C-alpha cells in the first residue's frame, strides 16, 4: 500500500506529501488506540490502531480517482491537439512546440522535459520518446507513444493515432456512467455506517442496561470489535471499487 500511495502521489505531482501522510497515519493510529483505551476495550485497540492508520491512505486512493480522471481529461485534450499538429507537420517536436503553451500541469512538465531532452541533451527522438513513454501511468498514453515511435519509421502509420486518442473519450464517457451507477450504493453504504455508529449513543438514551452491556461486558466489547472490523473491511471494499476506468492492453 505504501508503494502504491507513493506512486499515486508521484504521478499527480504531490510526491512531497508522502511523508506528511505517513506521519498522519502514525498519529491517527495512536489516537485510535487511545480512544479504545478510554473506552476500556482492549479488543478494539489493535483494530482502531490499524483502521485509523489506514484512513489517510484510503483518502488518497479515493481522491486519486478524481486526479486520474483529471489527468485522463488533460491527456485527451493534449494528445488530440498534438496528434492534429503531427498529422500536418510530420514532426513530433514541432507538434509539441506548437501546443506547449496550451498544456496544463502535470502533463506540461512531462512534454516540456521531452522538448528539453531533444533540443539540449540528445537529438535521438526515439530515445526521448522511450523516456516520455514511462512518465505517465496510462496504457493509452504508452500506446500513443509507441505509435509515434512507429511513425518515425513509416509516416503512413499516422492514421493509427486518432483511434488511440479516441479511447480516452470512451474512458471519460464510461467513467461518468460508472460514477452514476456507484452513487446510490455508496450513498446507501454511508447511511448504514451512520446508523451503525448512531445506534451506540441511541442505546444510551433508550436503555442504560443495554448500553452498559454493550460497553462494559466482554460480550458487548466483542460485538463492538466485530462491528468495527466489518466496518473497516467495508470501507476498504468501497475504496477498491472506486478505481478509475482504464483501458488495458
C-alpha atoms as a PDB file:
ATOM      1  CA  UNK A   1       0.000   0.000   0.000  1.00  0.00           C
ATOM      2  CA  UNK A   2       2.843   2.397   0.797  1.00  0.00           C
ATOM      3  CA  UNK A   3       4.368   1.747  -2.618  1.00  0.00           C
ATOM      4  CA  UNK A   4       1.024   2.270  -4.345  1.00  0.00           C
ATOM      5  CA  UNK A   5       0.342   5.524  -2.465  1.00  0.00           C
ATOM      6  CA  UNK A   6       3.826   6.808  -3.301  1.00  0.00           C
ATOM      7  CA  UNK A   7       3.260   6.042  -6.992  1.00  0.00           C
ATOM      8  CA  UNK A   8      -0.117   7.837  -6.923  1.00  0.00           C
ATOM      9  CA  UNK A   9       1.366  10.936  -5.291  1.00  0.00           C
ATOM     10  CA  UNK A  10       4.337  10.966  -7.686  1.00  0.00           C
ATOM     11  CA  UNK A  11       2.070  10.594 -10.708  1.00  0.00           C
ATOM     12  CA  UNK A  12      -0.088  13.522  -9.589  1.00  0.00           C
ATOM     13  CA  UNK A  13       2.836  15.801  -8.691  1.00  0.00           C
ATOM     14  CA  UNK A  14       2.297  15.520  -4.930  1.00  0.00           C
ATOM     15  CA  UNK A  15       5.283  13.355  -4.000  1.00  0.00           C
ATOM     16  CA  UNK A  16       6.264  15.768  -1.215  1.00  0.00           C
ATOM     17  CA  UNK A  17       3.055  14.889   0.643  1.00  0.00           C
ATOM     18  CA  UNK A  18       4.071  11.244   1.170  1.00  0.00           C
ATOM     19  CA  UNK A  19       5.939  11.808   4.443  1.00  0.00           C
ATOM     20  CA  UNK A  20       3.129  14.012   5.767  1.00  0.00           C
ATOM     21  CA  UNK A  21       0.593  11.264   5.030  1.00  0.00           C
ATOM     22  CA  UNK A  22       2.677   8.543   6.669  1.00  0.00           C
ATOM     23  CA  UNK A  23       3.211  10.756   9.734  1.00  0.00           C
ATOM     24  CA  UNK A  24      -0.513  11.485   9.877  1.00  0.00           C
ATOM     25  CA  UNK A  25      -1.214   7.738   9.702  1.00  0.00           C
ATOM     26  CA  UNK A  26       1.024   7.125  12.730  1.00  0.00           C
ATOM     27  CA  UNK A  27      -0.650   9.936  14.687  1.00  0.00           C
ATOM     28  CA  UNK A  28      -4.130   8.632  13.854  1.00  0.00           C
ATOM     29  CA  UNK A  29      -3.069   5.128  14.849  1.00  0.00           C
ATOM     30  CA  UNK A  30      -2.070   6.405  18.298  1.00  0.00           C
ATOM     31  CA  UNK A  31      -5.342   8.357  18.556  1.00  0.00           C
ATOM     32  CA  UNK A  32      -7.324   5.219  17.654  1.00  0.00           C
ATOM     33  CA  UNK A  33      -5.601   3.141  20.326  1.00  0.00           C
ATOM     34  CA  UNK A  34      -6.018   5.935  22.871  1.00  0.00           C
ATOM     35  CA  UNK A  35      -9.736   6.144  22.063  1.00  0.00           C
ATOM     36  CA  UNK A  36     -10.111   2.381  22.576  1.00  0.00           C
ATOM     37  CA  UNK A  37      -8.220   2.686  25.843  1.00  0.00           C
ATOM     38  CA  UNK A  38     -10.614   5.412  27.026  1.00  0.00           C
ATOM     39  CA  UNK A  39     -13.471   3.027  26.237  1.00  0.00           C
ATOM     40  CA  UNK A  40     -11.652   0.383  28.324  1.00  0.00           C
ATOM     41  CA  UNK A  41     -11.910  -2.028  25.407  1.00  0.00           C
ATOM     42  CA  UNK A  42      -8.620  -3.812  24.786  1.00  0.00           C
ATOM     43  CA  UNK A  43     -10.149  -5.770  21.889  1.00  0.00           C
ATOM     44  CA  UNK A  44     -10.653  -2.508  19.997  1.00  0.00           C
ATOM     45  CA  UNK A  45      -7.119  -1.181  20.495  1.00  0.00           C
ATOM     46  CA  UNK A  46      -5.395  -3.069  17.621  1.00  0.00           C
ATOM     47  CA  UNK A  47      -8.478  -2.721  15.401  1.00  0.00           C
ATOM     48  CA  UNK A  48      -8.754   1.059  15.799  1.00  0.00           C
ATOM     49  CA  UNK A  49      -4.969   1.392  15.666  1.00  0.00           C
ATOM     50  CA  UNK A  50      -4.803  -0.267  12.264  1.00  0.00           C
ATOM     51  CA  UNK A  51      -8.079   1.175  10.948  1.00  0.00           C
ATOM     52  CA  UNK A  52      -7.247   4.788  11.845  1.00  0.00           C
ATOM     53  CA  UNK A  53      -3.746   4.374  10.360  1.00  0.00           C
ATOM     54  CA  UNK A  54      -5.263   3.279   7.047  1.00  0.00           C
ATOM     55  CA  UNK A  55      -7.597   6.274   6.781  1.00  0.00           C
ATOM     56  CA  UNK A  56      -5.099   8.717   5.149  1.00  0.00           C
ATOM     57  CA  UNK A  57      -4.144   6.068   2.585  1.00  0.00           C
ATOM     58  CA  UNK A  58      -7.786   5.310   1.826  1.00  0.00           C
ATOM     59  CA  UNK A  59      -8.400   9.031   1.375  1.00  0.00           C
ATOM     60  CA  UNK A  60      -5.521   9.320  -1.100  1.00  0.00           C
ATOM     61  CA  UNK A  61      -6.791   6.305  -3.048  1.00  0.00           C
ATOM     62  CA  UNK A  62     -10.309   7.780  -3.161  1.00  0.00           C
ATOM     63  CA  UNK A  63      -9.234  11.186  -4.435  1.00  0.00           C
ATOM     64  CA  UNK A  64      -6.716   9.523  -6.776  1.00  0.00           C
ATOM     65  CA  UNK A  65      -9.760   8.560  -8.853  1.00  0.00           C
ATOM     66  CA  UNK A  66     -10.515  12.257  -9.260  1.00  0.00           C
ATOM     67  CA  UNK A  67      -6.853  13.009 -10.029  1.00  0.00           C
ATOM     68  CA  UNK A  68      -6.732  10.162 -12.561  1.00  0.00           C
ATOM     69  CA  UNK A  69      -9.909  11.372 -14.287  1.00  0.00           C
ATOM     70  CA  UNK A  70      -8.464  14.899 -14.438  1.00  0.00           C
ATOM     71  CA  UNK A  71      -5.221  13.501 -15.848  1.00  0.00           C
ATOM     72  CA  UNK A  72      -7.110  11.484 -18.475  1.00  0.00           C
ATOM     73  CA  UNK A  73      -9.132  14.568 -19.371  1.00  0.00           C
ATOM     74  CA  UNK A  74      -5.958  16.614 -19.828  1.00  0.00           C
ATOM     75  CA  UNK A  75      -4.336  13.788 -21.798  1.00  0.00           C
ATOM     76  CA  UNK A  76      -7.373  13.605 -24.064  1.00  0.00           C
ATOM     77  CA  UNK A  77      -7.023  17.302 -24.903  1.00  0.00           C
ATOM     78  CA  UNK A  78      -3.231  17.271 -25.223  1.00  0.00           C
ATOM     79  CA  UNK A  79      -2.959  14.114 -27.333  1.00  0.00           C
ATOM     80  CA  UNK A  80      -5.762  15.330 -29.562  1.00  0.00           C
ATOM     81  CA  UNK A  81      -4.157  18.698 -30.393  1.00  0.00           C
ATOM     82  CA  UNK A  82      -0.642  17.264 -30.649  1.00  0.00           C
ATOM     83  CA  UNK A  83      -1.875  14.491 -32.946  1.00  0.00           C
ATOM     84  CA  UNK A  84      -3.666  17.027 -35.164  1.00  0.00           C
ATOM     85  CA  UNK A  85      -0.481  19.087 -35.449  1.00  0.00           C
ATOM     86  CA  UNK A  86       1.635  15.991 -36.086  1.00  0.00           C
ATOM     87  CA  UNK A  87      -0.671  14.837 -38.885  1.00  0.00           C
ATOM     88  CA  UNK A  88       0.023  18.163 -40.579  1.00  0.00           C
ATOM     89  CA  UNK A  89       3.745  18.716 -39.953  1.00  0.00           C
ATOM     90  CA  UNK A  90       5.143  15.162 -39.620  1.00  0.00           C
ATOM     91  CA  UNK A  91       7.373  16.275 -36.721  1.00  0.00           C
ATOM     92  CA  UNK A  92       6.503  15.350 -33.147  1.00  0.00           C
ATOM     93  CA  UNK A  93       8.870  18.009 -31.803  1.00  0.00           C
ATOM     94  CA  UNK A  94       7.191  20.733 -33.853  1.00  0.00           C
ATOM     95  CA  UNK A  95       3.733  19.415 -32.931  1.00  0.00           C
ATOM     96  CA  UNK A  96       4.509  19.634 -29.208  1.00  0.00           C
ATOM     97  CA  UNK A  97       6.184  23.051 -29.554  1.00  0.00           C
ATOM     98  CA  UNK A  98       3.101  24.455 -31.264  1.00  0.00           C
ATOM     99  CA  UNK A  99       0.853  23.403 -28.384  1.00  0.00           C
ATOM    100  CA  UNK A 100       3.121  23.525 -25.320  1.00  0.00           C
ATOM    101  CA  UNK A 101       1.612  26.827 -24.141  1.00  0.00           C
ATOM    102  CA  UNK A 102      -1.847  25.232 -24.022  1.00  0.00           C
ATOM    103  CA  UNK A 103      -0.823  22.207 -21.952  1.00  0.00           C
ATOM    104  CA  UNK A 104      -1.582  22.224 -18.225  1.00  0.00           C
ATOM    105  CA  UNK A 105       0.297  20.538 -15.337  1.00  0.00           C
ATOM    106  CA  UNK A 106       1.225  17.795 -14.682  1.00  0.00           C
ATOM    107  CA  UNK A 107       1.262  16.900 -18.391  1.00  0.00           C
ATOM    108  CA  UNK A 108       3.046  20.179 -19.202  1.00  0.00           C
ATOM    109  CA  UNK A 109       6.151  19.233 -17.201  1.00  0.00           C
ATOM    110  CA  UNK A 110       6.393  15.888 -18.981  1.00  0.00           C
ATOM    111  CA  UNK A 111       6.167  17.271 -22.511  1.00  0.00           C
ATOM    112  CA  UNK A 112       8.395  20.254 -21.660  1.00  0.00           C
ATOM    113  CA  UNK A 113      11.045  17.809 -20.388  1.00  0.00           C
ATOM    114  CA  UNK A 114      10.736  15.949 -23.707  1.00  0.00           C
ATOM    115  CA  UNK A 115      11.425  19.158 -25.649  1.00  0.00           C
ATOM    116  CA  UNK A 116      14.389  19.994 -23.425  1.00  0.00           C
ATOM    117  CA  UNK A 117      15.741  16.479 -23.848  1.00  0.00           C
ATOM    118  CA  UNK A 118      15.525  16.526 -27.646  1.00  0.00           C
ATOM    119  CA  UNK A 119      16.944  20.047 -28.015  1.00  0.00           C
ATOM    120  CA  UNK A 120      19.692  20.211 -25.415  1.00  0.00           C
ATOM    121  CA  UNK A 121      20.636  16.684 -24.335  1.00  0.00           C
ATOM    122  CA  UNK A 122      20.067  14.067 -27.027  1.00  0.00           C
ATOM    123  CA  UNK A 123      18.774  14.508 -30.556  1.00  0.00           C
ATOM    124  CA  UNK A 124      17.710  10.857 -30.753  1.00  0.00           C
ATOM    125  CA  UNK A 125      13.916  11.202 -30.911  1.00  0.00           C
ATOM    126  CA  UNK A 126      13.187   7.515 -30.310  1.00  0.00           C
ATOM    127  CA  UNK A 127      15.267   7.534 -27.144  1.00  0.00           C
ATOM    128  CA  UNK A 128      13.471  10.666 -25.916  1.00  0.00           C
ATOM    129  CA  UNK A 129      10.111   9.089 -26.757  1.00  0.00           C
ATOM    130  CA  UNK A 130      11.107   5.984 -24.786  1.00  0.00           C
ATOM    131  CA  UNK A 131      11.729   8.213 -21.750  1.00  0.00           C
ATOM    132  CA  UNK A 132       8.440  10.021 -22.348  1.00  0.00           C
ATOM    133  CA  UNK A 133       6.606   6.700 -22.506  1.00  0.00           C
ATOM    134  CA  UNK A 134       7.375   5.866 -18.892  1.00  0.00           C
ATOM    135  CA  UNK A 135       6.456   9.252 -17.437  1.00  0.00           C
ATOM    136  CA  UNK A 136       2.670   8.657 -17.224  1.00  0.00           C
ATOM    137  CA  UNK A 137       0.965   5.532 -15.886  1.00  0.00           C
ATOM    138  CA  UNK A 138      -1.563   5.159 -18.684  1.00  0.00           C
ATOM    139  CA  UNK A 139      -1.805   2.288 -21.168  1.00  0.00           C
ATOM    140  CA  UNK A 140      -3.445   4.577 -23.722  1.00  0.00           C
ATOM    141  CA  UNK A 141      -0.617   7.110 -23.422  1.00  0.00           C
ATOM    142  CA  UNK A 142       2.008   4.371 -23.779  1.00  0.00           C
ATOM    143  CA  UNK A 143       0.181   3.001 -26.826  1.00  0.00           C
ATOM    144  CA  UNK A 144       0.116   6.504 -28.328  1.00  0.00           C
ATOM    145  CA  UNK A 145       3.868   6.949 -27.775  1.00  0.00           C
ATOM    146  CA  UNK A 146       4.523   3.505 -29.298  1.00  0.00           C
ATOM    147  CA  UNK A 147       2.512   4.570 -32.362  1.00  0.00           C
ATOM    148  CA  UNK A 148       4.510   7.816 -32.606  1.00  0.00           C
ATOM    149  CA  UNK A 149       7.731   5.776 -32.498  1.00  0.00           C
ATOM    150  CA  UNK A 150       6.408   3.564 -35.298  1.00  0.00           C
ATOM    151  CA  UNK A 151       5.556   6.677 -37.285  1.00  0.00           C
ATOM    152  CA  UNK A 152       9.206   7.724 -37.156  1.00  0.00           C
ATOM    153  CA  UNK A 153       9.903   4.726 -39.372  1.00  0.00           C
ATOM    154  CA  UNK A 154       6.748   4.835 -41.503  1.00  0.00           C
ATOM    155  CA  UNK A 155       4.745   8.064 -41.856  1.00  0.00           C
ATOM    156  CA  UNK A 156       1.813   6.130 -43.320  1.00  0.00           C
ATOM    157  CA  UNK A 157       1.059   4.816 -39.822  1.00  0.00           C
ATOM    158  CA  UNK A 158      -0.187   8.247 -38.695  1.00  0.00           C
ATOM    159  CA  UNK A 159      -3.755   7.080 -39.235  1.00  0.00           C
ATOM    160  CA  UNK A 160      -3.414   4.795 -36.185  1.00  0.00           C
ATOM    161  CA  UNK A 161      -3.057   7.755 -33.814  1.00  0.00           C
ATOM    162  CA  UNK A 162      -6.622   9.072 -33.935  1.00  0.00           C
ATOM    163  CA  UNK A 163      -8.299   5.779 -32.852  1.00  0.00           C
ATOM    164  CA  UNK A 164      -5.864   5.607 -29.929  1.00  0.00           C
ATOM    165  CA  UNK A 165      -6.762   9.117 -28.766  1.00  0.00           C
ATOM    166  CA  UNK A 166     -10.471   8.305 -29.088  1.00  0.00           C
ATOM    167  CA  UNK A 167     -10.021   5.661 -26.363  1.00  0.00           C
ATOM    168  CA  UNK A 168      -9.621   8.476 -23.838  1.00  0.00           C
ATOM    169  CA  UNK A 169     -13.012   9.843 -24.868  1.00  0.00           C
ATOM    170  CA  UNK A 170     -14.531   6.389 -24.389  1.00  0.00           C
ATOM    171  CA  UNK A 171     -12.925   6.191 -20.931  1.00  0.00           C
ATOM    172  CA  UNK A 172     -14.409   9.566 -19.960  1.00  0.00           C
ATOM    173  CA  UNK A 173     -17.913   8.508 -21.036  1.00  0.00           C
ATOM    174  CA  UNK A 174     -17.749   5.125 -19.289  1.00  0.00           C
ATOM    175  CA  UNK A 175     -16.296   6.738 -16.152  1.00  0.00           C
ATOM    176  CA  UNK A 176     -19.199   9.202 -15.970  1.00  0.00           C
ATOM    177  CA  UNK A 177     -21.711   6.360 -16.360  1.00  0.00           C
ATOM    178  CA  UNK A 178     -19.924   4.317 -13.684  1.00  0.00           C
ATOM    179  CA  UNK A 179     -19.973   7.264 -11.262  1.00  0.00           C
ATOM    180  CA  UNK A 180     -23.746   7.488 -11.679  1.00  0.00           C
ATOM    181  CA  UNK A 181     -24.118   3.750 -11.088  1.00  0.00           C
ATOM    182  CA  UNK A 182     -21.982   3.830  -7.923  1.00  0.00           C
ATOM    183  CA  UNK A 183     -23.639   6.925  -6.445  1.00  0.00           C
ATOM    184  CA  UNK A 184     -26.677   5.123  -4.991  1.00  0.00           C
ATOM    185  CA  UNK A 185     -24.791   2.129  -3.488  1.00  0.00           C
ATOM    186  CA  UNK A 186     -22.213   4.427  -1.877  1.00  0.00           C
ATOM    187  CA  UNK A 187     -24.969   6.665  -0.512  1.00  0.00           C
ATOM    188  CA  UNK A 188     -26.706   3.618   0.996  1.00  0.00           C
ATOM    189  CA  UNK A 189     -23.401   2.474   2.471  1.00  0.00           C
ATOM    190  CA  UNK A 190     -22.861   5.847   4.145  1.00  0.00           C
ATOM    191  CA  UNK A 191     -26.380   5.704   5.561  1.00  0.00           C
ATOM    192  CA  UNK A 192     -25.726   2.238   7.012  1.00  0.00           C
ATOM    193  CA  UNK A 193     -22.469   3.466   8.580  1.00  0.00           C
ATOM    194  CA  UNK A 194     -24.327   6.406  10.130  1.00  0.00           C
ATOM    195  CA  UNK A 195     -26.976   4.049  11.516  1.00  0.00           C
ATOM    196  CA  UNK A 196     -24.348   1.678  12.918  1.00  0.00           C
ATOM    197  CA  UNK A 197     -22.409   4.420  14.691  1.00  0.00           C
ATOM    198  CA  UNK A 198     -25.532   6.324  15.695  1.00  0.00           C
ATOM    199  CA  UNK A 199     -27.003   3.284  17.440  1.00  0.00           C
ATOM    200  CA  UNK A 200     -24.432   3.460  20.236  1.00  0.00           C
ATOM    201  CA  UNK A 201     -25.500   6.852  21.676  1.00  0.00           C
ATOM    202  CA  UNK A 202     -29.113   5.983  20.834  1.00  0.00           C
ATOM    203  CA  UNK A 203     -28.932   2.864  23.035  1.00  0.00           C
ATOM    204  CA  UNK A 204     -27.582   5.046  25.853  1.00  0.00           C
ATOM    205  CA  UNK A 205     -30.750   7.136  25.859  1.00  0.00           C
ATOM    206  CA  UNK A 206     -33.161   4.254  25.216  1.00  0.00           C
ATOM    207  CA  UNK A 207     -31.926   1.692  27.716  1.00  0.00           C
ATOM    208  CA  UNK A 208     -28.987   2.221  30.089  1.00  0.00           C
ATOM    209  CA  UNK A 209     -28.778  -1.515  30.865  1.00  0.00           C
ATOM    210  CA  UNK A 210     -28.281  -2.361  27.196  1.00  0.00           C
ATOM    211  CA  UNK A 211     -25.654   0.355  26.929  1.00  0.00           C
ATOM    212  CA  UNK A 212     -23.842  -0.996  29.991  1.00  0.00           C
ATOM    213  CA  UNK A 213     -23.899  -4.492  28.489  1.00  0.00           C
ATOM    214  CA  UNK A 214     -22.518  -3.211  25.197  1.00  0.00           C
ATOM    215  CA  UNK A 215     -19.743  -1.092  26.670  1.00  0.00           C
ATOM    216  CA  UNK A 216     -18.695  -2.886  29.855  1.00  0.00           C
ATOM    217  CA  UNK A 217     -19.152  -6.621  29.325  1.00  0.00           C
ATOM    218  CA  UNK A 218     -16.925  -8.999  27.376  1.00  0.00           C
ATOM    219  CA  UNK A 219     -19.752  -9.953  25.004  1.00  0.00           C
ATOM    220  CA  UNK A 220     -20.563  -6.299  24.317  1.00  0.00           C
ATOM    221  CA  UNK A 221     -16.912  -5.372  23.763  1.00  0.00           C
ATOM    222  CA  UNK A 222     -16.537  -8.341  21.410  1.00  0.00           C
ATOM    223  CA  UNK A 223     -19.628  -7.222  19.496  1.00  0.00           C
ATOM    224  CA  UNK A 224     -18.179  -3.710  19.089  1.00  0.00           C
ATOM    225  CA  UNK A 225     -14.873  -5.192  17.904  1.00  0.00           C
ATOM    226  CA  UNK A 226     -16.600  -7.378  15.296  1.00  0.00           C
ATOM    227  CA  UNK A 227     -18.741  -4.472  14.054  1.00  0.00           C
ATOM    228  CA  UNK A 228     -15.637  -2.270  13.771  1.00  0.00           C
ATOM    229  CA  UNK A 229     -13.750  -4.918  11.791  1.00  0.00           C
ATOM    230  CA  UNK A 230     -16.686  -5.293   9.387  1.00  0.00           C
ATOM    231  CA  UNK A 231     -16.871  -1.507   9.058  1.00  0.00           C
ATOM    232  CA  UNK A 232     -13.195  -1.146   8.114  1.00  0.00           C
ATOM    233  CA  UNK A 233     -13.371  -4.091   5.687  1.00  0.00           C
ATOM    234  CA  UNK A 234     -16.426  -2.479   4.056  1.00  0.00           C
ATOM    235  CA  UNK A 235     -14.647   0.867   3.724  1.00  0.00           C
ATOM    236  CA  UNK A 236     -11.700  -0.920   2.105  1.00  0.00           C
ATOM    237  CA  UNK A 237     -14.118  -2.547  -0.353  1.00  0.00           C
ATOM    238  CA  UNK A 238     -15.670   0.800  -1.249  1.00  0.00           C
ATOM    239  CA  UNK A 239     -12.222   2.288  -1.870  1.00  0.00           C
ATOM    240  CA  UNK A 240     -11.306  -0.680  -4.067  1.00  0.00           C
ATOM    241  CA  UNK A 241     -14.474  -0.292  -6.163  1.00  0.00           C
ATOM    242  CA  UNK A 242     -13.815   3.418  -6.671  1.00  0.00           C
ATOM    243  CA  UNK A 243     -10.896   2.901  -9.026  1.00  0.00           C
ATOM    244  CA  UNK A 244     -10.946   4.849 -12.296  1.00  0.00           C
ATOM    245  CA  UNK A 245     -11.842   3.223 -15.599  1.00  0.00           C
ATOM    246  CA  UNK A 246      -8.836   2.433 -17.775  1.00  0.00           C
ATOM    247  CA  UNK A 247      -8.011   0.605 -20.990  1.00  0.00           C
ATOM    248  CA  UNK A 248      -5.713  -2.379 -20.534  1.00  0.00           C
ATOM    249  CA  UNK A 249      -3.631  -3.718 -23.391  1.00  0.00           C
END
